[in-house]
Amino acid sequence: MRVAARVGCAMSEYLFNDSHVHLTNYVQEGPDIRDYLAMMGDDIKRSVLFGLPLQQLWSHAEMGDVAMQFRSLNAEQQARADPH
């Protein structure tokens, strides 16, 4: 079974898939996750979301609320993003 068939849309509907973006900059500022989904529009099917940490060890002060923003999305919106 093709991946597109499992998610119920043709791959040709999108220009990109699995794009990589840092949702925050070094001082943990960036667009709201819903604004980012709006920027994806109909061109990007899915996106891997990253914060931009200043250190290797996870720290809320360094990573911000990317995961919590993701959890605030509805199921359809969550299906378009992969937080890391």
PDB file of N, CA and C in Angstrom:
ATOM      1  N   MET A   1       0.836  -1.174   0.000  1.00  0.00           N
ATOM      2  CA  MET A   1       0.000   0.000   0.000  1.00  0.00           C
ATOM      3  C   MET A   1       0.884   1.241   0.000  1.00  0.00           C
ATOM      4  N   ARG A   2       0.603   2.169  -0.849  1.00  0.00           N
ATOM      5  CA  ARG A   2       1.356   3.426  -0.900  1.00  0.00           C
ATOM      6  C   ARG A   2       1.041   4.283   0.317  1.00  0.00           C
ATOM      7  N   VAL A   3       2.012   5.054   0.764  1.00  0.00           N
ATOM      8  CA  VAL A   3       1.814   5.945   1.905  1.00  0.00           C
ATOM      9  C   VAL A   3       0.674   6.915   1.632  1.00  0.00           C
ATOM     10  N   ALA A   4       0.622   7.444   0.426  1.00  0.00           N
ATOM     11  CA  ALA A   4      -0.428   8.410   0.087  1.00  0.00           C
ATOM     12  C   ALA A   4      -1.805   7.795   0.262  1.00  0.00           C
ATOM     13  N   ALA A   5      -1.947   6.513  -0.062  1.00  0.00           N
ATOM     14  CA  ALA A   5      -3.246   5.863   0.083  1.00  0.00           C
ATOM     15  C   ALA A   5      -3.628   5.752   1.555  1.00  0.00           C
ATOM     16  N   ARG A   6      -2.639   5.547   2.431  1.00  0.00           N
ATOM     17  CA  ARG A   6      -2.944   5.423   3.858  1.00  0.00           C
ATOM     18  C   ARG A   6      -3.416   6.734   4.452  1.00  0.00           C
ATOM     19  N   VAL A   7      -2.892   7.854   3.996  1.00  0.00           N
ATOM     20  CA  VAL A   7      -3.296   9.127   4.559  1.00  0.00           C
ATOM     21  C   VAL A   7      -4.442   9.765   3.782  1.00  0.00           C
ATOM     22  N   GLY A   8      -4.865   9.135   2.730  1.00  0.00           N
ATOM     23  CA  GLY A   8      -6.046   9.553   2.005  1.00  0.00           C
ATOM     24  C   GLY A   8      -5.859  10.728   1.058  1.00  0.00           C
ATOM     25  N   CYS A   9      -4.659  10.948   0.556  1.00  0.00           N
ATOM     26  CA  CYS A   9      -4.469  12.015  -0.424  1.00  0.00           C
ATOM     27  C   CYS A   9      -3.346  11.629  -1.370  1.00  0.00           C
ATOM     28  N   ALA A  10      -3.414  12.175  -2.551  1.00  0.00           N
ATOM     29  CA  ALA A  10      -2.390  11.876  -3.546  1.00  0.00           C
ATOM     30  C   ALA A  10      -1.135  12.690  -3.254  1.00  0.00           C
ATOM     31  N   MET A  11       0.028  12.082  -3.424  1.00  0.00           N
ATOM     32  CA  MET A  11       1.283  12.775  -3.174  1.00  0.00           C
ATOM     33  C   MET A  11       1.439  13.981  -4.107  1.00  0.00           C
ATOM     34  N   SER A  12       0.840  13.934  -5.283  1.00  0.00           N
ATOM     35  CA  SER A  12       0.993  15.018  -6.241  1.00  0.00           C
ATOM     36  C   SER A  12       0.295  16.298  -5.793  1.00  0.00           C
ATOM     37  N   GLU A  13      -0.519  16.244  -4.728  1.00  0.00           N
ATOM     38  CA  GLU A  13      -1.191  17.442  -4.235  1.00  0.00           C
ATOM     39  C   GLU A  13      -0.225  18.384  -3.524  1.00  0.00           C
ATOM     40  N   TYR A  14       0.948  17.908  -3.156  1.00  0.00           N
ATOM     41  CA  TYR A  14       1.899  18.692  -2.381  1.00  0.00           C
ATOM     42  C   TYR A  14       3.203  18.865  -3.151  1.00  0.00           C
ATOM     43  N   LEU A  15       3.884  19.983  -2.917  1.00  0.00           N
ATOM     44  CA  LEU A  15       5.185  20.208  -3.519  1.00  0.00           C
ATOM     45  C   LEU A  15       6.295  19.596  -2.678  1.00  0.00           C
ATOM     46  N   PHE A  16       6.103  19.547  -1.342  1.00  0.00           N
ATOM     47  CA  PHE A  16       7.127  19.060  -0.433  1.00  0.00           C
ATOM     48  C   PHE A  16       6.521  18.134   0.606  1.00  0.00           C
ATOM     49  N   ASN A  17       7.367  17.268   1.159  1.00  0.00           N
ATOM     50  CA  ASN A  17       6.965  16.371   2.228  1.00  0.00           C
ATOM     51  C   ASN A  17       8.147  16.225   3.180  1.00  0.00           C
ATOM     52  N   ASP A  18       7.857  16.207   4.456  1.00  0.00           N
ATOM     53  CA  ASP A  18       8.873  15.998   5.476  1.00  0.00           C
ATOM     54  C   ASP A  18       9.932  17.089   5.461  1.00  0.00           C
ATOM     55  N   SER A  19       9.498  18.324   5.293  1.00  0.00           N
ATOM     56  CA  SER A  19      10.409  19.459   5.365  1.00  0.00           C
ATOM     57  C   SER A  19      10.897  19.635   6.795  1.00  0.00           C
ATOM     58  N   HIS A  20      12.030  20.258   6.972  1.00  0.00           N
ATOM     59  CA  HIS A  20      12.669  20.411   8.269  1.00  0.00           C
ATOM     60  C   HIS A  20      12.704  21.891   8.620  1.00  0.00           C
ATOM     61  N   VAL A  21      12.184  22.242   9.800  1.00  0.00           N
ATOM     62  CA  VAL A  21      12.187  23.650  10.206  1.00  0.00           C
ATOM     63  C   VAL A  21      12.478  23.756  11.698  1.00  0.00           C
ATOM     64  N   HIS A  22      13.226  24.787  12.061  1.00  0.00           N
ATOM     65  CA  HIS A  22      13.424  25.123  13.468  1.00  0.00           C
ATOM     66  C   HIS A  22      12.350  26.152  13.811  1.00  0.00           C
ATOM     67  N   LEU A  23      11.400  25.745  14.648  1.00  0.00           N
ATOM     68  CA  LEU A  23      10.272  26.616  14.974  1.00  0.00           C
ATOM     69  C   LEU A  23      10.703  27.797  15.842  1.00  0.00           C
ATOM     70  N   THR A  24      11.839  27.656  16.532  1.00  0.00           N
ATOM     71  CA  THR A  24      12.332  28.752  17.361  1.00  0.00           C
ATOM     72  C   THR A  24      13.768  29.086  16.988  1.00  0.00           C
ATOM     73  N   ASN A  25      14.178  30.298  17.340  1.00  0.00           N
ATOM     74  CA  ASN A  25      15.563  30.699  17.111  1.00  0.00           C
ATOM     75  C   ASN A  25      16.366  30.483  18.398  1.00  0.00           C
ATOM     76  N   TYR A  26      17.585  31.006  18.467  1.00  0.00           N
ATOM     77  CA  TYR A  26      18.446  30.782  19.632  1.00  0.00           C
ATOM     78  C   TYR A  26      17.913  31.382  20.927  1.00  0.00           C
ATOM     79  N   VAL A  27      17.055  32.358  20.857  1.00  0.00           N
ATOM     80  CA  VAL A  27      16.473  32.921  22.077  1.00  0.00           C
ATOM     81  C   VAL A  27      15.030  32.464  22.250  1.00  0.00           C
ATOM     82  N   GLN A  28      14.706  31.337  21.612  1.00  0.00           N
ATOM     83  CA  GLN A  28      13.419  30.659  21.758  1.00  0.00           C
ATOM     84  C   GLN A  28      12.234  31.517  21.331  1.00  0.00           C
ATOM     85  N   GLU A  29      12.419  32.286  20.280  1.00  0.00           N
ATOM     86  CA  GLU A  29      11.336  33.062  19.705  1.00  0.00           C
ATOM     87  C   GLU A  29      11.039  32.507  18.323  1.00  0.00           C
ATOM     88  N   GLY A  30       9.773  32.505  17.965  1.00  0.00           N
ATOM     89  CA  GLY A  30       9.381  32.035  16.649  1.00  0.00           C
ATOM     90  C   GLY A  30       7.880  32.135  16.488  1.00  0.00           C
ATOM     91  N   PRO A  31       7.376  31.728  15.345  1.00  0.00           N
ATOM     92  CA  PRO A  31       5.933  31.831  15.089  1.00  0.00           C
ATOM     93  C   PRO A  31       5.153  30.834  15.947  1.00  0.00           C
ATOM     94  N   ASP A  32       3.909  31.176  16.200  1.00  0.00           N
ATOM     95  CA  ASP A  32       3.003  30.228  16.833  1.00  0.00           C
ATOM     96  C   ASP A  32       2.849  29.034  15.903  1.00  0.00           C
ATOM     97  N   ILE A  33       2.682  27.848  16.465  1.00  0.00           N
ATOM     98  CA  ILE A  33       2.612  26.634  15.651  1.00  0.00           C
ATOM     99  C   ILE A  33       1.452  26.691  14.656  1.00  0.00           C
ATOM    100  N   ARG A  34       0.343  27.308  15.022  1.00  0.00           N
ATOM    101  CA  ARG A  34      -0.790  27.407  14.096  1.00  0.00           C
ATOM    102  C   ARG A  34      -0.457  28.343  12.927  1.00  0.00           C
ATOM    103  N   ASP A  35       0.285  29.414  13.218  1.00  0.00           N
ATOM    104  CA  ASP A  35       0.723  30.309  12.141  1.00  0.00           C
ATOM    105  C   ASP A  35       1.655  29.563  11.191  1.00  0.00           C
ATOM    106  N   TYR A  36       2.529  28.703  11.763  1.00  0.00           N
ATOM    107  CA  TYR A  36       3.428  27.922  10.910  1.00  0.00           C
ATOM    108  C   TYR A  36       2.642  26.961  10.022  1.00  0.00           C
ATOM    109  N   LEU A  37       1.612  26.291  10.572  1.00  0.00           N
ATOM    110  CA  LEU A  37       0.793  25.401   9.742  1.00  0.00           C
ATOM    111  C   LEU A  37       0.122  26.180   8.614  1.00  0.00           C
ATOM    112  N   ALA A  38      -0.314  27.397   8.909  1.00  0.00           N
ATOM    113  CA  ALA A  38      -0.909  28.235   7.858  1.00  0.00           C
ATOM    114  C   ALA A  38       0.128  28.562   6.783  1.00  0.00           C
ATOM    115  N   MET A  39       1.398  28.809   7.202  1.00  0.00           N
ATOM    116  CA  MET A  39       2.459  29.073   6.228  1.00  0.00           C
ATOM    117  C   MET A  39       2.718  27.853   5.345  1.00  0.00           C
ATOM    118  N   MET A  40       2.537  26.650   5.903  1.00  0.00           N
ATOM    119  CA  MET A  40       2.732  25.434   5.109  1.00  0.00           C
ATOM    120  C   MET A  40       1.717  25.369   3.982  1.00  0.00           C
ATOM    121  N   GLY A  41       0.530  25.884   4.241  1.00  0.00           N
ATOM    122  CA  GLY A  41      -0.517  25.929   3.224  1.00  0.00           C
ATOM    123  C   GLY A  41      -0.761  24.582   2.577  1.00  0.00           C
ATOM    124  N   ASP A  42      -0.949  24.597   1.269  1.00  0.00           N
ATOM    125  CA  ASP A  42      -1.210  23.384   0.503  1.00  0.00           C
ATOM    126  C   ASP A  42       0.037  22.887  -0.210  1.00  0.00           C
ATOM    127  N   ASP A  43       1.203  23.513   0.077  1.00  0.00           N
ATOM    128  CA  ASP A  43       2.437  23.115  -0.588  1.00  0.00           C
ATOM    129  C   ASP A  43       3.222  22.062   0.190  1.00  0.00           C
ATOM    130  N   ILE A  44       3.136  22.101   1.523  1.00  0.00           N
ATOM    131  CA  ILE A  44       3.903  21.171   2.360  1.00  0.00           C
ATOM    132  C   ILE A  44       2.938  20.256   3.084  1.00  0.00           C
ATOM    133  N   LYS A  45       3.115  18.958   2.892  1.00  0.00           N
ATOM    134  CA  LYS A  45       2.219  17.984   3.509  1.00  0.00           C
ATOM    135  C   LYS A  45       2.539  17.800   4.980  1.00  0.00           C
ATOM    136  N   ARG A  46       3.814  17.517   5.303  1.00  0.00           N
ATOM    137  CA  ARG A  46       4.246  17.267   6.676  1.00  0.00           C
ATOM    138  C   ARG A  46       5.544  18.026   6.925  1.00  0.00           C
ATOM    139  N   SER A  47       5.807  18.297   8.195  1.00  0.00           N
ATOM    140  CA  SER A  47       7.018  19.029   8.545  1.00  0.00           C
ATOM    141  C   SER A  47       7.581  18.506   9.853  1.00  0.00           C
ATOM    142  N   VAL A  48       8.878  18.326   9.905  1.00  0.00           N
ATOM    143  CA  VAL A  48       9.550  17.945  11.146  1.00  0.00           C
ATOM    144  C   VAL A  48       9.884  19.235  11.881  1.00  0.00           C
ATOM    145  N   LEU A  49       9.410  19.368  13.116  1.00  0.00           N
ATOM    146  CA  LEU A  49       9.605  20.586  13.889  1.00  0.00           C
ATOM    147  C   LEU A  49      10.707  20.399  14.919  1.00  0.00           C
ATOM    148  N   PHE A  50      11.586  21.348  14.994  1.00  0.00           N
ATOM    149  CA  PHE A  50      12.666  21.348  15.972  1.00  0.00           C
ATOM    150  C   PHE A  50      12.687  22.700  16.671  1.00  0.00           C
ATOM    151  N   GLY A  51      13.058  22.689  17.948  1.00  0.00           N
ATOM    152  CA  GLY A  51      13.469  23.919  18.598  1.00  0.00           C
ATOM    153  C   GLY A  51      14.924  24.130  18.197  1.00  0.00           C
ATOM    154  N   LEU A  52      15.537  25.181  18.642  1.00  0.00           N
ATOM    155  CA  LEU A  52      16.948  25.415  18.347  1.00  0.00           C
ATOM    156  C   LEU A  52      17.677  25.558  19.681  1.00  0.00           C
ATOM    157  N   PRO A  53      18.122  24.432  20.233  1.00  0.00           N
ATOM    158  CA  PRO A  53      18.719  24.462  21.573  1.00  0.00           C
ATOM    159  C   PRO A  53      20.105  25.098  21.570  1.00  0.00           C
ATOM    160  N   LEU A  54      20.467  25.597  22.733  1.00  0.00           N
ATOM    161  CA  LEU A  54      21.797  26.157  22.917  1.00  0.00           C
ATOM    162  C   LEU A  54      22.729  25.152  23.570  1.00  0.00           C
ATOM    163  N   GLN A  55      22.193  24.016  23.972  1.00  0.00           N
ATOM    164  CA  GLN A  55      22.990  22.980  24.624  1.00  0.00           C
ATOM    165  C   GLN A  55      22.450  21.616  24.233  1.00  0.00           C
ATOM    166  N   GLN A  56      23.214  20.570  24.460  1.00  0.00           N
ATOM    167  CA  GLN A  56      22.817  19.217  24.071  1.00  0.00           C
ATOM    168  C   GLN A  56      21.775  18.614  25.007  1.00  0.00           C
ATOM    169  N   LEU A  57      21.794  18.966  26.277  1.00  0.00           N
ATOM    170  CA  LEU A  57      20.851  18.426  27.253  1.00  0.00           C
ATOM    171  C   LEU A  57      19.533  19.177  27.145  1.00  0.00           C
ATOM    172  N   TRP A  58      18.409  18.454  27.089  1.00  0.00           N
ATOM    173  CA  TRP A  58      17.124  19.124  26.979  1.00  0.00           C
ATOM    174  C   TRP A  58      16.861  19.933  28.230  1.00  0.00           C
ATOM    175  N   SER A  59      16.397  21.119  28.020  1.00  0.00           N
ATOM    176  CA  SER A  59      16.024  22.004  29.112  1.00  0.00           C
ATOM    177  C   SER A  59      14.855  22.834  28.639  1.00  0.00           C
ATOM    178  N   HIS A  60      13.818  22.945  29.465  1.00  0.00           N
ATOM    179  CA  HIS A  60      12.664  23.741  29.078  1.00  0.00           C
ATOM    180  C   HIS A  60      13.083  25.171  28.742  1.00  0.00           C
ATOM    181  N   ALA A  61      14.022  25.702  29.514  1.00  0.00           N
ATOM    182  CA  ALA A  61      14.481  27.065  29.246  1.00  0.00           C
ATOM    183  C   ALA A  61      15.137  27.178  27.870  1.00  0.00           C
ATOM    184  N   GLU A  62      15.762  26.095  27.403  1.00  0.00           N
ATOM    185  CA  GLU A  62      16.438  26.106  26.109  1.00  0.00           C
ATOM    186  C   GLU A  62      15.521  25.692  24.968  1.00  0.00           C
ATOM    187  N   MET A  63      14.665  24.708  25.212  1.00  0.00           N
ATOM    188  CA  MET A  63      13.832  24.155  24.145  1.00  0.00           C
ATOM    189  C   MET A  63      12.477  24.841  24.021  1.00  0.00           C
ATOM    190  N   GLY A  64      12.046  25.543  25.041  1.00  0.00           N
ATOM    191  CA  GLY A  64      10.771  26.227  24.959  1.00  0.00           C
ATOM    192  C   GLY A  64       9.600  25.262  24.968  1.00  0.00           C
ATOM    193  N   ASP A  65       8.522  25.667  24.339  1.00  0.00           N
ATOM    194  CA  ASP A  65       7.274  24.921  24.405  1.00  0.00           C
ATOM    195  C   ASP A  65       6.871  24.276  23.086  1.00  0.00           C
ATOM    196  N   VAL A  66       7.821  23.880  22.251  1.00  0.00           N
ATOM    197  CA  VAL A  66       7.467  23.279  20.965  1.00  0.00           C
ATOM    198  C   VAL A  66       6.574  22.060  21.169  1.00  0.00           C
ATOM    199  N   ALA A  67       6.928  21.191  22.109  1.00  0.00           N
ATOM    200  CA  ALA A  67       6.127  19.986  22.341  1.00  0.00           C
ATOM    201  C   ALA A  67       4.740  20.347  22.855  1.00  0.00           C
ATOM    202  N   MET A  68       4.656  21.309  23.738  1.00  0.00           N
ATOM    203  CA  MET A  68       3.346  21.700  24.266  1.00  0.00           C
ATOM    204  C   MET A  68       2.505  22.383  23.192  1.00  0.00           C
ATOM    205  N   GLN A  69       3.149  23.156  22.314  1.00  0.00           N
ATOM    206  CA  GLN A  69       2.405  23.742  21.204  1.00  0.00           C
ATOM    207  C   GLN A  69       1.843  22.640  20.312  1.00  0.00           C
ATOM    208  N   PHE A  70       2.676  21.621  20.039  1.00  0.00           N
ATOM    209  CA  PHE A  70       2.226  20.503  19.212  1.00  0.00           C
ATOM    210  C   PHE A  70       1.035  19.804  19.862  1.00  0.00           C
ATOM    211  N   ARG A  71       1.108  19.558  21.149  1.00  0.00           N
ATOM    212  CA  ARG A  71       0.020  18.867  21.853  1.00  0.00           C
ATOM    213  C   ARG A  71      -1.267  19.680  21.854  1.00  0.00           C
ATOM    214  N   SER A  72      -1.185  20.997  21.664  1.00  0.00           N
ATOM    215  CA  SER A  72      -2.388  21.829  21.659  1.00  0.00           C
ATOM    216  C   SER A  72      -3.145  21.762  20.330  1.00  0.00           C
ATOM    217  N   LEU A  73      -2.525  21.154  19.301  1.00  0.00           N
ATOM    218  CA  LEU A  73      -3.168  21.046  17.986  1.00  0.00           C
ATOM    219  C   LEU A  73      -4.211  19.942  17.979  1.00  0.00           C
ATOM    220  N   ASN A  74      -5.192  20.053  17.094  1.00  0.00           N
ATOM    221  CA  ASN A  74      -6.151  18.956  16.944  1.00  0.00           C
ATOM    222  C   ASN A  74      -5.486  17.832  16.143  1.00  0.00           C
ATOM    223  N   ALA A  75      -6.140  16.684  16.064  1.00  0.00           N
ATOM    224  CA  ALA A  75      -5.548  15.496  15.429  1.00  0.00           C
ATOM    225  C   ALA A  75      -5.168  15.747  13.967  1.00  0.00           C
ATOM    226  N   GLU A  76      -6.001  16.463  13.227  1.00  0.00           N
ATOM    227  CA  GLU A  76      -5.694  16.751  11.818  1.00  0.00           C
ATOM    228  C   GLU A  76      -4.441  17.610  11.695  1.00  0.00           C
ATOM    229  N   GLN A  77      -4.318  18.612  12.571  1.00  0.00           N
ATOM    230  CA  GLN A  77      -3.131  19.467  12.548  1.00  0.00           C
ATOM    231  C   GLN A  77      -1.895  18.689  12.992  1.00  0.00           C
ATOM    232  N   GLN A  78      -2.014  17.845  14.033  1.00  0.00           N
ATOM    233  CA  GLN A  78      -0.892  17.041  14.500  1.00  0.00           C
ATOM    234  C   GLN A  78      -0.380  16.097  13.419  1.00  0.00           C
ATOM    235  N   ALA A  79      -1.273  15.645  12.541  1.00  0.00           N
ATOM    236  CA  ALA A  79      -0.873  14.724  11.473  1.00  0.00           C
ATOM    237  C   ALA A  79       0.073  15.381  10.479  1.00  0.00           C
ATOM    238  N   ARG A  80       0.191  16.705  10.503  1.00  0.00           N
ATOM    239  CA  ARG A  80       1.044  17.421   9.552  1.00  0.00           C
ATOM    240  C   ARG A  80       2.402  17.798  10.120  1.00  0.00           C
ATOM    241  N   ALA A  81       2.670  17.455  11.380  1.00  0.00           N
ATOM    242  CA  ALA A  81       3.934  17.874  12.004  1.00  0.00           C
ATOM    243  C   ALA A  81       4.517  16.743  12.838  1.00  0.00           C
ATOM    244  N   ASP A  82       5.841  16.702  12.895  1.00  0.00           N
ATOM    245  CA  ASP A  82       6.557  15.722  13.701  1.00  0.00           C
ATOM    246  C   ASP A  82       7.541  16.464  14.599  1.00  0.00           C
ATOM    247  N   PRO A  83       7.160  16.724  15.861  1.00  0.00           N
ATOM    248  CA  PRO A  83       8.087  17.456  16.730  1.00  0.00           C
ATOM    249  C   PRO A  83       9.261  16.595  17.159  1.00  0.00           C
ATOM    250  N   HIS A  84      10.431  17.178  17.234  1.00  0.00           N
ATOM    251  CA  HIS A  84      11.632  16.480  17.691  1.00  0.00           C
ATOM    252  C   HIS A  84      12.386  17.358  18.626  1.00  0.00           C
TER     253      HIS A  84
END
